[in-house]
C-alpha atoms as a PDB file:
ATOM      1  CA  MET A   1     103.049 -49.330 204.566  1.00  0.00           C
ATOM      2  CA  PRO A   2     101.304 -51.667 207.122  1.00  0.00           C
ATOM      3  CA  PHE A   3     103.121 -54.828 208.007  1.00  0.00           C
ATOM      4  CA  PRO A   4     101.326 -57.814 206.460  1.00  0.00           C
ATOM      5  CA  PRO A   5      99.113 -59.777 208.869  1.00  0.00           C
ATOM      6  CA  LEU A   6     100.411 -63.067 210.213  1.00  0.00           C
ATOM      7  CA  ASP A   7      98.661 -66.379 209.759  1.00  0.00           C
ATOM      8  CA  PHE A   8      99.590 -67.839 213.158  1.00  0.00           C
ATOM      9  CA  ALA A   9      98.528 -71.406 212.317  1.00  0.00           C
ATOM     10  CA  PHE A  10     100.255 -71.479 208.895  1.00  0.00           C
ATOM     11  CA  PRO A  11     103.101 -68.942 209.108  1.00  0.00           C
ATOM     12  CA  SER A  12     104.626 -69.335 205.679  1.00  0.00           C
ATOM     13  CA  SER A  13     106.496 -66.017 205.677  1.00  0.00           C
ATOM     14  CA  LEU A  14     108.655 -66.528 208.779  1.00  0.00           C
ATOM     15  CA  ILE A  15     112.390 -67.104 209.218  1.00  0.00           C
ATOM     16  CA  GLY A  16     113.853 -68.879 212.207  1.00  0.00           C
ATOM     17  CA  ARG A  17     115.991 -71.663 213.484  1.00  0.00           C
ATOM     18  CA  SER A  18     113.251 -73.990 214.665  1.00  0.00           C
ATOM     19  CA  SER A  19     110.881 -74.720 211.825  1.00  0.00           C
ATOM     20  CA  SER A  20     112.655 -75.130 208.521  1.00  0.00           C
ATOM     21  CA  TRP A  21     114.124 -78.000 206.561  1.00  0.00           C
ATOM     22  CA  SER A  22     117.480 -76.899 205.230  1.00  0.00           C
ATOM     23  CA  ASP A  23     119.164 -78.317 202.123  1.00  0.00           C
ATOM     24  CA  GLY A  24     122.772 -79.348 202.130  1.00  0.00           C
ATOM     25  CA  ARG A  25     122.893 -80.958 205.595  1.00  0.00           C
ATOM     26  CA  PRO A  26     122.133 -84.477 206.762  1.00  0.00           C
ATOM     27  CA  PRO A  27     118.525 -84.500 208.043  1.00  0.00           C
ATOM     28  CA  GLU A  28     119.538 -85.900 211.412  1.00  0.00           C
ATOM     29  CA  ALA A  29     121.982 -83.003 211.882  1.00  0.00           C
ATOM     30  CA  THR A  30     119.189 -80.562 211.122  1.00  0.00           C
ATOM     31  CA  MET A  31     117.063 -82.215 213.809  1.00  0.00           C
ATOM     32  CA  GLN A  32     119.783 -81.814 216.398  1.00  0.00           C
ATOM     33  CA  HIS A  33     120.840 -78.217 215.559  1.00  0.00           C
ATOM     34  CA  PRO A  34     118.610 -76.654 212.886  1.00  0.00           C
ATOM     35  CA  PRO A  35     120.105 -73.801 210.885  1.00  0.00           C
ATOM     36  CA  ILE A  36     118.481 -70.419 210.354  1.00  0.00           C
ATOM     37  CA  ALA A  37     116.289 -70.712 207.326  1.00  0.00           C
ATOM     38  CA  ALA A  38     112.920 -69.754 205.898  1.00  0.00           C
ATOM     39  CA  ARG A  39     109.780 -71.881 206.042  1.00  0.00           C
ATOM     40  CA  ARG A  40     109.435 -74.013 202.960  1.00  0.00           C
ATOM     41  CA  PRO A  41     106.592 -75.826 201.175  1.00  0.00           C
ATOM     42  CA  VAL A  42     106.255 -79.560 201.655  1.00  0.00           C
ATOM     43  CA  SER A  43     104.558 -81.946 199.245  1.00  0.00           C
ATOM     44  CA  LEU A  44     102.553 -84.693 200.965  1.00  0.00           C
ATOM     45  CA  ALA A  45     101.026 -87.875 199.589  1.00  0.00           C
ATOM     46  CA  PRO A  46      99.241 -90.942 201.075  1.00  0.00           C
ATOM     47  CA  ARG A  47     102.113 -93.295 200.385  1.00  0.00           C
ATOM     48  CA  LEU A  48     101.687 -96.064 202.954  1.00  0.00           C
ATOM     49  CA  LYS A  49      98.968 -97.864 204.873  1.00  0.00           C
ATOM     50  CA  GLY A  50      98.403 -97.185 208.534  1.00  0.00           C
ATOM     51  CA  VAL A  51      96.103 -97.455 211.517  1.00  0.00           C
ATOM     52  CA  ARG A  52      94.786 -94.339 213.242  1.00  0.00           C
ATOM     53  CA  LEU A  53      94.424 -94.132 217.009  1.00  0.00           C
ATOM     54  CA  LEU A  54      92.346 -91.226 218.280  1.00  0.00           C
ATOM     55  CA  VAL A  55      93.537 -89.701 221.563  1.00  0.00           C
ATOM     56  CA  ASP A  56      91.293 -88.237 224.249  1.00  0.00           C
ATOM     57  CA  ASN A  57      91.969 -85.222 226.486  1.00  0.00           C
ATOM     58  CA  ALA A  58      94.320 -87.345 228.582  1.00  0.00           C
ATOM     59  CA  GLY A  59      96.246 -88.511 225.550  1.00  0.00           C
ATOM     60  CA  ALA A  60      94.874 -92.104 225.829  1.00  0.00           C
ATOM     61  CA  PRO A  61      94.449 -93.821 222.444  1.00  0.00           C
ATOM     62  CA  GLN A  62      91.632 -95.819 220.928  1.00  0.00           C
ATOM     63  CA  VAL A  63      91.548 -97.443 217.488  1.00  0.00           C
ATOM     64  CA  ASP A  64      89.721 -95.441 214.818  1.00  0.00           C
ATOM     65  CA  GLY A  65      90.490 -97.585 211.757  1.00  0.00           C
ATOM     66  CA  ALA A  66      92.726 -98.003 208.765  1.00  0.00           C
ATOM     67  CA  VAL A  67      93.963 -94.808 207.036  1.00  0.00           C
ATOM     68  CA  PRO A  68      96.423 -93.854 204.305  1.00  0.00           C
ATOM     69  CA  VAL A  69      99.421 -92.296 206.054  1.00  0.00           C
ATOM     70  CA  MET A  70     100.410 -88.856 204.708  1.00  0.00           C
ATOM     71  CA  MET A  71     104.138 -88.683 204.014  1.00  0.00           C
ATOM     72  CA  ALA A  72     106.522 -86.057 202.725  1.00  0.00           C
ATOM     73  CA  VAL A  73     107.680 -86.996 199.231  1.00  0.00           C
ATOM     74  CA  LYS A  74     110.843 -86.066 197.347  1.00  0.00           C
ATOM     75  CA  VAL A  75     109.257 -84.285 194.410  1.00  0.00           C
ATOM     76  CA  SER A  76     108.779 -80.779 193.161  1.00  0.00           C
ATOM     77  CA  PRO A  77     105.483 -79.278 194.402  1.00  0.00           C
ATOM     78  CA  GLN A  78     102.613 -80.365 192.164  1.00  0.00           C
ATOM     79  CA  ALA A  79      98.965 -79.302 192.105  1.00  0.00           C
ATOM     80  CA  SER A  80      97.903 -82.928 192.575  1.00  0.00           C
ATOM     81  CA  LEU A  81      99.707 -83.254 195.895  1.00  0.00           C
ATOM     82  CA  PRO A  82      98.367 -81.737 199.151  1.00  0.00           C
ATOM     83  CA  GLY A  83     100.458 -78.728 200.088  1.00  0.00           C
ATOM     84  CA  GLY A  84     102.098 -78.538 203.481  1.00  0.00           C
ATOM     85  CA  LEU A  85     104.520 -76.225 205.274  1.00  0.00           C
ATOM     86  CA  SER A  86     107.700 -77.120 207.110  1.00  0.00           C
ATOM     87  CA  SER A  87     107.348 -77.259 210.875  1.00  0.00           C
ATOM     88  CA  GLY A  88     110.615 -78.561 212.262  1.00  0.00           C
ATOM     89  CA  ALA A  89     112.810 -81.240 210.771  1.00  0.00           C
ATOM     90  CA  SER A  90     110.630 -84.080 209.392  1.00  0.00           C
ATOM     91  CA  SER A  91     107.327 -82.457 210.500  1.00  0.00           C
ATOM     92  CA  ALA A  92     104.758 -80.443 208.527  1.00  0.00           C
ATOM     93  CA  LEU A  93     101.634 -78.313 208.822  1.00  0.00           C
ATOM     94  CA  VAL A  94      98.594 -79.166 206.673  1.00  0.00           C
ATOM     95  CA  ARG A  95      95.205 -77.484 206.195  1.00  0.00           C
ATOM     96  CA  GLU A  96      92.256 -79.759 206.805  1.00  0.00           C
ATOM     97  CA  ALA A  97      89.032 -79.550 204.749  1.00  0.00           C
ATOM     98  CA  ASP A  98      87.226 -77.970 207.724  1.00  0.00           C
ATOM     99  CA  GLY A  99      89.766 -75.136 207.882  1.00  0.00           C
ATOM    100  CA  ARG A 100      91.746 -76.428 210.865  1.00  0.00           C
ATOM    101  CA  THR A 101      95.530 -76.662 210.756  1.00  0.00           C
ATOM    102  CA  VAL A 102      97.126 -79.943 211.808  1.00  0.00           C
ATOM    103  CA  ARG A 103     100.778 -80.454 212.565  1.00  0.00           C
ATOM    104  CA  ILE A 104     101.998 -83.912 211.545  1.00  0.00           C
ATOM    105  CA  LYS A 105     104.977 -84.593 213.715  1.00  0.00           C
ATOM    106  CA  ARG A 106     107.528 -86.787 211.962  1.00  0.00           C
ATOM    107  CA  CYS A 107     106.217 -87.431 208.468  1.00  0.00           C
ATOM    108  CA  GLY A 108     109.492 -87.764 206.599  1.00  0.00           C
ATOM    109  CA  PHE A 109     111.953 -85.304 205.116  1.00  0.00           C
ATOM    110  CA  ALA A 110     111.308 -82.749 202.389  1.00  0.00           C
ATOM    111  CA  THR A 111     114.464 -83.667 200.446  1.00  0.00           C
ATOM    112  CA  ARG A 112     114.159 -87.479 200.534  1.00  0.00           C
ATOM    113  CA  GLY A 113     110.764 -88.483 201.960  1.00  0.00           C
ATOM    114  CA  ILE A 114     111.139 -91.350 204.407  1.00  0.00           C
ATOM    115  CA  GLY A 115     113.969 -93.851 204.644  1.00  0.00           C
ATOM    116  CA  GLY A 116     117.462 -94.205 205.988  1.00  0.00           C
ATOM    117  CA  PRO A 117     119.398 -96.597 208.235  1.00  0.00           C
ATOM    118  CA  VAL A 118     116.966 -99.113 209.665  1.00  0.00           C
ATOM    119  CA  GLY A 119     116.526 -98.747 213.401  1.00  0.00           C
ATOM    120  CA  HIS A 120     117.460 -95.053 213.564  1.00  0.00           C
ATOM    121  CA  VAL A 121     114.120 -93.316 213.981  1.00  0.00           C
ATOM    122  CA  GLY A 122     115.447 -89.798 213.439  1.00  0.00           C
ATOM    123  CA  ARG A 123     117.214 -90.683 210.210  1.00  0.00           C
ATOM    124  CA  ILE A 124     114.091 -92.382 208.823  1.00  0.00           C
ATOM    125  CA  GLY A 125     112.030 -89.305 209.590  1.00  0.00           C
ATOM    126  CA  LEU A 126     109.400 -90.970 211.769  1.00  0.00           C
ATOM    127  CA  MET A 127     108.824 -91.567 215.495  1.00  0.00           C
ATOM    128  CA  GLY A 128     108.760 -94.865 217.358  1.00  0.00           C
ATOM    129  CA  ILE A 129     105.301 -95.826 218.665  1.00  0.00           C
ATOM    130  CA  ALA A 130     106.388 -95.436 222.295  1.00  0.00           C
ATOM    131  CA  GLU A 131     107.699 -91.933 221.599  1.00  0.00           C
ATOM    132  CA  ALA A 132     104.515 -90.984 219.757  1.00  0.00           C
ATOM    133  CA  LEU A 133     102.368 -92.141 222.688  1.00  0.00           C
ATOM    134  CA  GLN A 134     104.579 -90.210 225.072  1.00  0.00           C
ATOM    135  CA  GLU A 135     104.306 -87.070 222.957  1.00  0.00           C
ATOM    136  CA  SER A 136     100.499 -87.150 222.889  1.00  0.00           C
ATOM    137  CA  ARG A 137     100.192 -87.842 226.613  1.00  0.00           C
ATOM    138  CA  MET A 138     102.603 -85.097 227.641  1.00  0.00           C
ATOM    139  CA  LEU A 139     100.994 -82.498 225.358  1.00  0.00           C
ATOM    140  CA  ALA A 140      97.561 -83.433 226.735  1.00  0.00           C
ATOM    141  CA  LEU A 141      98.911 -83.021 230.268  1.00  0.00           C
ATOM    142  CA  PHE A 142     100.485 -79.660 229.441  1.00  0.00           C
ATOM    143  CA  ARG A 143      97.248 -78.498 227.764  1.00  0.00           C
ATOM    144  CA  ALA A 144      95.211 -79.495 230.845  1.00  0.00           C
ATOM    145  CA  GLN A 145      97.493 -77.286 232.964  1.00  0.00           C
ATOM    146  CA  GLY A 146      97.087 -74.320 230.595  1.00  0.00           C
ATOM    147  CA  LEU A 147     100.659 -74.624 229.359  1.00  0.00           C
ATOM    148  CA  ALA A 148     100.003 -75.774 225.772  1.00  0.00           C
ATOM    149  CA  THR A 149      96.831 -73.945 224.775  1.00  0.00           C
ATOM    150  CA  ALA A 150      97.906 -73.564 221.131  1.00  0.00           C
ATOM    151  CA  CYS A 151      97.967 -77.321 220.422  1.00  0.00           C
ATOM    152  CA  LYS A 152      95.781 -80.358 221.018  1.00  0.00           C
ATOM    153  CA  PRO A 153      96.898 -83.919 220.196  1.00  0.00           C
ATOM    154  CA  GLU A 154      94.196 -85.612 218.114  1.00  0.00           C
ATOM    155  CA  ALA A 155      95.505 -88.883 216.785  1.00  0.00           C
ATOM    156  CA  LEU A 156      98.434 -91.231 216.171  1.00  0.00           C
ATOM    157  CA  ASP A 157      98.953 -92.654 212.713  1.00  0.00           C
ATOM    158  CA  ILE A 158     100.799 -95.968 213.061  1.00  0.00           C
ATOM    159  CA  LEU A 159     102.625 -97.315 210.055  1.00  0.00           C
ATOM    160  CA  ALA A 160     101.174-100.742 209.208  1.00  0.00           C
ATOM    161  CA  ASP A 161     102.432-101.334 205.688  1.00  0.00           C
ATOM    162  CA  PRO A 162     104.569-104.414 205.032  1.00  0.00           C
ATOM    163  CA  SER A 163     105.788-102.797 201.820  1.00  0.00           C
ATOM    164  CA  ALA A 164     107.905-100.342 203.812  1.00  0.00           C
ATOM    165  CA  PRO A 165     111.509-101.600 203.665  1.00  0.00           C
ATOM    166  CA  PHE A 166     111.982-101.144 207.428  1.00  0.00           C
ATOM    167  CA  PHE A 167     108.541-102.350 208.533  1.00  0.00           C
ATOM    168  CA  GLU A 168     109.576-105.728 209.918  1.00  0.00           C
ATOM    169  CA  GLU A 169     112.412-104.276 212.006  1.00  0.00           C
ATOM    170  CA  ASN A 170     110.638-101.496 213.935  1.00  0.00           C
ATOM    171  CA  ALA A 171     107.258 -99.969 214.663  1.00  0.00           C
ATOM    172  CA  TYR A 172     106.836 -96.345 213.594  1.00  0.00           C
ATOM    173  CA  ALA A 173     104.188 -93.655 214.001  1.00  0.00           C
ATOM    174  CA  MET A 174     103.492 -89.949 213.737  1.00  0.00           C
ATOM    175  CA  VAL A 175     101.415 -87.635 215.907  1.00  0.00           C
ATOM    176  CA  ARG A 176      98.621 -85.451 214.502  1.00  0.00           C
ATOM    177  CA  ILE A 177      98.256 -82.253 216.525  1.00  0.00           C
ATOM    178  CA  ALA A 178      95.618 -79.571 215.927  1.00  0.00           C
ATOM    179  CA  VAL A 179      97.262 -76.164 216.273  1.00  0.00           C
ATOM    180  CA  THR A 180      96.049 -72.590 216.487  1.00  0.00           C
ATOM    181  CA  SER A 181      99.607 -71.316 216.217  1.00  0.00           C
ATOM    182  CA  ASP A 182     102.962 -72.625 215.009  1.00  0.00           C
ATOM    183  CA  VAL A 183     104.794 -69.288 215.355  1.00  0.00           C
ATOM    184  CA  ARG A 184     107.882 -70.318 217.253  1.00  0.00           C
ATOM    185  CA  ALA A 185     109.403 -67.885 219.734  1.00  0.00           C
ATOM    186  CA  ASP A 186     112.629 -67.639 217.745  1.00  0.00           C
ATOM    187  CA  GLU A 187     110.676 -66.742 214.618  1.00  0.00           C
ATOM    188  CA  TRP A 188     108.728 -64.187 216.630  1.00  0.00           C
ATOM    189  CA  LEU A 189     111.960 -62.506 217.604  1.00  0.00           C
ATOM    190  CA  LEU A 190     112.998 -62.062 213.997  1.00  0.00           C
ATOM    191  CA  ARG A 191     109.527 -60.844 213.061  1.00  0.00           C
ATOM    192  CA  LEU A 192     109.866 -58.155 215.750  1.00  0.00           C
ATOM    193  CA  VAL A 193     113.024 -57.032 213.985  1.00  0.00           C
ATOM    194  CA  THR A 194     111.390 -56.832 210.539  1.00  0.00           C
ATOM    195  CA  GLU A 195     108.388 -55.006 211.988  1.00  0.00           C
ATOM    196  CA  GLU A 196     110.697 -52.457 213.559  1.00  0.00           C
ATOM    197  CA  LEU A 197     112.385 -51.906 210.219  1.00  0.00           C
ATOM    198  CA  ALA A 198     109.029 -51.328 208.559  1.00  0.00           C
ATOM    199  CA  ALA A 199     107.968 -48.905 211.363  1.00  0.00           C
ATOM    200  CA  ILE A 200     111.045 -46.715 210.839  1.00  0.00           C
ATOM    201  CA  GLY A 201     110.562 -46.594 207.091  1.00  0.00           C
ATOM    202  CA  ARG A 202     113.288 -49.098 206.187  1.00  0.00           C
ATOM    203  CA  GLY A 203     111.117 -51.330 204.050  1.00  0.00           C
ATOM    204  CA  ASP A 204     114.072 -51.706 201.658  1.00  0.00           C
ATOM    205  CA  VAL A 205     115.925 -53.677 204.309  1.00  0.00           C
ATOM    206  CA  ARG A 206     115.247 -57.397 204.344  1.00  0.00           C
ATOM    207  CA  MET A 207     116.351 -60.351 206.380  1.00  0.00           C
ATOM    208  CA  SER A 208     118.908 -62.347 204.473  1.00  0.00           C
ATOM    209  CA  VAL A 209     119.953 -65.934 205.172  1.00  0.00           C
ATOM    210  CA  ALA A 210     123.361 -66.893 203.835  1.00  0.00           C
ATOM    211  CA  GLY A 211     125.647 -69.849 204.355  1.00  0.00           C
ATOM    212  CA  GLY A 212     122.941 -71.695 206.298  1.00  0.00           C
ATOM    213  CA  GLU A 213     124.039 -70.209 209.607  1.00  0.00           C
ATOM    214  CA  ARG A 214     123.871 -66.411 209.338  1.00  0.00           C
ATOM    215  CA  VAL A 215     121.153 -63.839 209.628  1.00  0.00           C
ATOM    216  CA  GLY A 216     121.847 -60.329 208.387  1.00  0.00           C
ATOM    217  CA  LEU A 217     120.073 -57.123 207.558  1.00  0.00           C
ATOM    218  CA  GLU A 218     120.813 -55.984 204.063  1.00  0.00           C
ATOM    219  CA  ALA A 219     119.987 -52.891 201.972  1.00  0.00           C
ATOM    220  CA  SER A 220     121.244 -52.853 198.390  1.00  0.00           C
ATOM    221  CA  GLY A 221     123.567 -55.685 199.251  1.00  0.00           C
ATOM    222  CA  LYS A 222     125.307 -53.830 202.085  1.00  0.00           C
ATOM    223  CA  PRO A 223     124.906 -54.936 205.741  1.00  0.00           C
ATOM    224  CA  VAL A 224     123.263 -52.387 208.026  1.00  0.00           C
ATOM    225  CA  GLY A 225     123.123 -52.147 211.789  1.00  0.00           C
ATOM    226  CA  LEU A 226     120.072 -51.947 213.953  1.00  0.00           C
ATOM    227  CA  GLU A 227     119.882 -49.979 217.182  1.00  0.00           C
ATOM    228  CA  ILE A 228     118.297 -51.924 220.058  1.00  0.00           C
ATOM    229  CA  LYS A 229     116.024 -49.442 221.800  1.00  0.00           C
ATOM    230  CA  GLY A 230     112.441 -48.291 222.154  1.00  0.00           C
ATOM    231  CA  ARG A 231     109.652 -50.574 220.982  1.00  0.00           C
ATOM    232  CA  LEU A 232     111.959 -53.318 219.759  1.00  0.00           C
ATOM    233  CA  LEU A 233     113.733 -53.463 223.124  1.00  0.00           C
ATOM    234  CA  GLU A 234     110.431 -53.458 225.036  1.00  0.00           C
ATOM    235  CA  ARG A 235     108.917 -56.249 222.940  1.00  0.00           C
ATOM    236  CA  THR A 236     112.080 -58.358 223.207  1.00  0.00           C
ATOM    237  CA  GLU A 237     112.073 -57.907 226.974  1.00  0.00           C
ATOM    238  CA  SER A 238     108.410 -58.912 227.064  1.00  0.00           C
ATOM    239  CA  LEU A 239     109.220 -62.079 225.069  1.00  0.00           C
ATOM    240  CA  GLY A 240     112.069 -63.009 227.413  1.00  0.00           C
ATOM    241  CA  ARG A 241     109.963 -62.486 230.555  1.00  0.00           C
ATOM    242  CA  GLY A 242     107.065 -64.456 229.062  1.00  0.00           C
ATOM    243  CA  LEU A 243     109.288 -67.400 228.176  1.00  0.00           C
ATOM    244  CA  GLY A 244     110.689 -67.379 231.728  1.00  0.00           C
ATOM    245  CA  GLY A 245     107.166 -67.225 233.127  1.00  0.00           C
ATOM    246  CA  LEU A 246     106.080 -70.214 231.043  1.00  0.00           C
ATOM    247  CA  MET A 247     109.042 -72.272 232.252  1.00  0.00           C
ATOM    248  CA  ARG A 248     108.257 -71.270 235.870  1.00  0.00           C
ATOM    249  CA  ALA A 249     104.591 -72.210 235.450  1.00  0.00           C
ATOM    250  CA  THR A 250     105.706 -75.592 234.080  1.00  0.00           C
ATOM    251  CA  HIS A 251     107.858 -76.283 237.118  1.00  0.00           C
ATOM    252  CA  ASP A 252     105.233 -74.954 239.560  1.00  0.00           C
ATOM    253  CA  ALA A 253     102.801 -77.452 238.057  1.00  0.00           C
ATOM    254  CA  GLY A 254     105.218 -80.262 238.987  1.00  0.00           C
ATOM    255  CA  LEU A 255     106.272 -80.868 235.371  1.00  0.00           C
ATOM    256  CA  LEU A 256     109.505 -80.877 233.437  1.00  0.00           C
ATOM    257  CA  ARG A 257     110.031 -79.768 229.829  1.00  0.00           C
ATOM    258  CA  GLY A 258     112.829 -82.304 229.368  1.00  0.00           C
ATOM    259  CA  ARG A 259     116.406 -81.442 228.462  1.00  0.00           C
ATOM    260  CA  GLY A 260     115.718 -82.251 224.786  1.00  0.00           C
ATOM    261  CA  SER A 261     112.892 -79.731 224.664  1.00  0.00           C
ATOM    262  CA  VAL A 262     114.224 -76.662 226.521  1.00  0.00           C
ATOM    263  CA  TRP A 263     114.801 -73.970 223.950  1.00  0.00           C
ATOM    264  CA  MET A 264     112.757 -71.146 222.477  1.00  0.00           C
ATOM    265  CA  GLY A 265     111.903 -73.010 219.283  1.00  0.00           C
ATOM    266  CA  ASN A 266     109.668 -75.346 221.273  1.00  0.00           C
ATOM    267  CA  ASP A 267     107.420 -72.519 222.471  1.00  0.00           C
ATOM    268  CA  VAL A 268     104.912 -70.669 220.258  1.00  0.00           C
ATOM    269  CA  VAL A 269     103.204 -67.296 220.345  1.00  0.00           C
ATOM    270  CA  GLY A 270      99.439 -67.681 219.927  1.00  0.00           C
ATOM    271  CA  PRO A 271      96.932 -65.369 218.159  1.00  0.00           C
ATOM    272  CA  ASP A 272      96.110 -63.994 221.660  1.00  0.00           C
ATOM    273  CA  LEU A 273      99.842 -63.335 222.179  1.00  0.00           C
ATOM    274  CA  ARG A 274     100.024 -65.936 224.947  1.00  0.00           C
ATOM    275  CA  LEU A 275     102.974 -68.313 224.933  1.00  0.00           C
ATOM    276  CA  SER A 276     102.345 -72.027 224.685  1.00  0.00           C
ATOM    277  CA  ALA A 277     104.535 -75.134 224.756  1.00  0.00           C
ATOM    278  CA  ILE A 278     104.434 -77.005 221.445  1.00  0.00           C
ATOM    279  CA  ASP A 279     106.833 -79.854 222.279  1.00  0.00           C
ATOM    280  CA  ALA A 280     106.902 -81.550 225.643  1.00  0.00           C
ATOM    281  CA  ASP A 281     107.955 -85.142 225.032  1.00  0.00           C
ATOM    282  CA  GLY A 282     111.268 -84.683 226.822  1.00  0.00           C
ATOM    283  CA  GLY A 283     109.494 -84.083 230.125  1.00  0.00           C
ATOM    284  CA  ALA A 284     108.427 -87.728 230.423  1.00  0.00           C
ATOM    285  CA  ARG A 285     111.942 -88.937 231.033  1.00  0.00           C
ATOM    286  CA  SER A 286     112.932 -90.675 234.244  1.00  0.00           C
ATOM    287  CA  ILE A 287     114.477 -88.452 236.898  1.00  0.00           C
ATOM    288  CA  GLY A 288     117.250 -91.015 237.425  1.00  0.00           C
ATOM    289  CA  GLU A 289     119.971 -90.061 239.904  1.00  0.00           C
ATOM    290  CA  GLY A 290     119.227 -86.339 239.999  1.00  0.00           C
ATOM    291  CA  SER A 291     116.669 -84.667 242.160  1.00  0.00           C
ATOM    292  CA  LEU A 292     113.660 -82.832 240.738  1.00  0.00           C
ATOM    293  CA  ALA A 293     115.007 -79.505 242.025  1.00  0.00           C
ATOM    294  CA  ASN A 294     118.342 -80.072 240.274  1.00  0.00           C
ATOM    295  CA  LEU A 295     116.685 -80.994 236.996  1.00  0.00           C
ATOM    296  CA  ARG A 296     114.668 -77.805 237.169  1.00  0.00           C
ATOM    297  CA  ARG A 297     117.848 -75.793 237.623  1.00  0.00           C
ATOM    298  CA  ILE A 298     119.459 -77.558 234.666  1.00  0.00           C
ATOM    299  CA  GLU A 299     116.424 -76.854 232.464  1.00  0.00           C
ATOM    300  CA  VAL A 300     116.478 -73.171 233.315  1.00  0.00           C
ATOM    301  CA  ALA A 301     120.232 -72.926 232.689  1.00  0.00           C
ATOM    302  CA  GLU A 302     120.038 -74.803 229.373  1.00  0.00           C
ATOM    303  CA  TYR A 303     117.082 -72.791 228.119  1.00  0.00           C
ATOM    304  CA  ALA A 304     118.847 -69.512 228.951  1.00  0.00           C
ATOM    305  CA  ALA A 305     122.062 -70.698 227.318  1.00  0.00           C
ATOM    306  CA  GLY A 306     120.099 -71.465 224.135  1.00  0.00           C
ATOM    307  CA  PHE A 307     119.606 -67.761 223.404  1.00  0.00           C
ATOM    308  CA  ALA A 308     123.341 -67.367 222.797  1.00  0.00           C
ATOM    309  CA  ASP A 309     123.484 -70.658 220.888  1.00  0.00           C
ATOM    310  CA  CYS A 310     120.694 -69.536 218.547  1.00  0.00           C
ATOM    311  CA  TYR A 311     121.332 -65.839 218.046  1.00  0.00           C
ATOM    312  CA  SER A 312     124.617 -64.721 219.507  1.00  0.00           C
ATOM    313  CA  TRP A 313     127.619 -66.890 218.625  1.00  0.00           C
ATOM    314  CA  GLY A 314     128.760 -66.072 215.113  1.00  0.00           C
ATOM    315  CA  GLN A 315     126.007 -63.480 214.602  1.00  0.00           C
ATOM    316  CA  PRO A 316     126.084 -59.673 214.191  1.00  0.00           C
ATOM    317  CA  ASP A 317     126.395 -57.523 217.309  1.00  0.00           C
ATOM    318  CA  TRP A 318     122.811 -56.276 217.126  1.00  0.00           C
ATOM    319  CA  LEU A 319     121.454 -59.825 217.116  1.00  0.00           C
ATOM    320  CA  ALA A 320     123.808 -60.869 219.934  1.00  0.00           C
ATOM    321  CA  GLU A 321     122.518 -57.917 221.921  1.00  0.00           C
ATOM    322  CA  LEU A 322     118.904 -59.119 221.472  1.00  0.00           C
ATOM    323  CA  ALA A 323     120.005 -62.593 222.583  1.00  0.00           C
ATOM    324  CA  THR A 324     121.535 -61.060 225.727  1.00  0.00           C
ATOM    325  CA  VAL A 325     118.333 -59.170 226.442  1.00  0.00           C
ATOM    326  CA  LEU A 326     116.390 -62.439 226.186  1.00  0.00           C
ATOM    327  CA  PHE A 327     118.854 -64.181 228.500  1.00  0.00           C
ATOM    328  CA  GLU A 328     118.515 -61.558 231.222  1.00  0.00           C
ATOM    329  CA  THR A 329     114.737 -61.121 231.024  1.00  0.00           C
ATOM    330  CA  PHE A 330     114.067 -64.871 230.829  1.00  0.00           C
ATOM    331  CA  LEU A 331     115.766 -65.309 234.192  1.00  0.00           C
ATOM    332  CA  ASP A 332     113.857 -62.324 235.589  1.00  0.00           C
ATOM    333  CA  GLY A 333     110.571 -63.774 234.330  1.00  0.00           C
ATOM    334  CA  TYR A 334     111.314 -67.156 235.839  1.00  0.00           C
ATOM    335  CA  ARG A 335     112.153 -65.736 239.246  1.00  0.00           C
ATOM    336  CA  ALA A 336     109.062 -63.478 239.240  1.00  0.00           C
ATOM    337  CA  ALA A 337     106.690 -66.123 237.871  1.00  0.00           C
ATOM    338  CA  ALA A 338     105.743 -63.638 235.169  1.00  0.00           C
ATOM    339  CA  ASP A 339     102.655 -63.865 233.047  1.00  0.00           C
ATOM    340  CA  PHE A 340     103.473 -65.682 229.806  1.00  0.00           C
ATOM    341  CA  LYS A 341     101.950 -63.219 227.418  1.00  0.00           C
ATOM    342  CA  VAL A 342     104.085 -61.134 225.069  1.00  0.00           C
ATOM    343  CA  GLY A 343     103.602 -57.476 224.131  1.00  0.00           C
END
């Protein structure tokens, strides 16, 4: 049976650590260390008033006018509400009337909408205006260098509604980003696994997510192993080399990803199978006391360590083996300045 085709811009069938909103944990904890979970639907509604700033190819804004700001709402999905898809903690994908897919970065939480301790942007589920401007400028810069071809910042929606309980204390915004793919690299890895199972005739085996932090392969309720060889091994090696190549290209362009952005969940696989950065706001931070060369070394080390953090510690041996393959080939791809296209 052929594996079902993947909608790269609206990947509702995927499982990963980067793009889901998990129940049972504080939202801010999910933002810092998201659990393994499936994508989930998000209900959106124009709850508050805002001002839209359009951004040009350099990420510079200009006022477009007043708009209703789309927010996640704490309700069961209803036909009257626009349907979205989770895309990282407090962000969502939406389909526009013209068929494009837009990622709204920081539009509230699926389980409680917006709100929380005043002054804590992450807990409220929005971005500060300065952070939103930084995000759009960095993504535009990465896109101009060919490093973020799957996304294009289009606008900032600034909250301008005095009825919001936290409006007088802080200024908040969200970034609207047109995307051709939101398939995160960590989700791609698990898709490779499920495709391999289908190819060997084990369609009865499915990914299972249990306890919020475990991924297993189950058939009739019993865990099964998976041998890491052949096509699965080759495709995992290709992914690792490509991720290393993308990091190297970023550094060769004189840029940083930022220590808050260096992990595989912030890179996506496009419809053309080229890798693209999807989150680059951390790269705008001041160098401070460290040298640029040292910061690059730190970014490489932390990105590589993330493979074990995501898919080795506490996971089955077969998944830990894949994480080790990614670790080794990522470093190889970085040293060789490999092409950042996956096979």
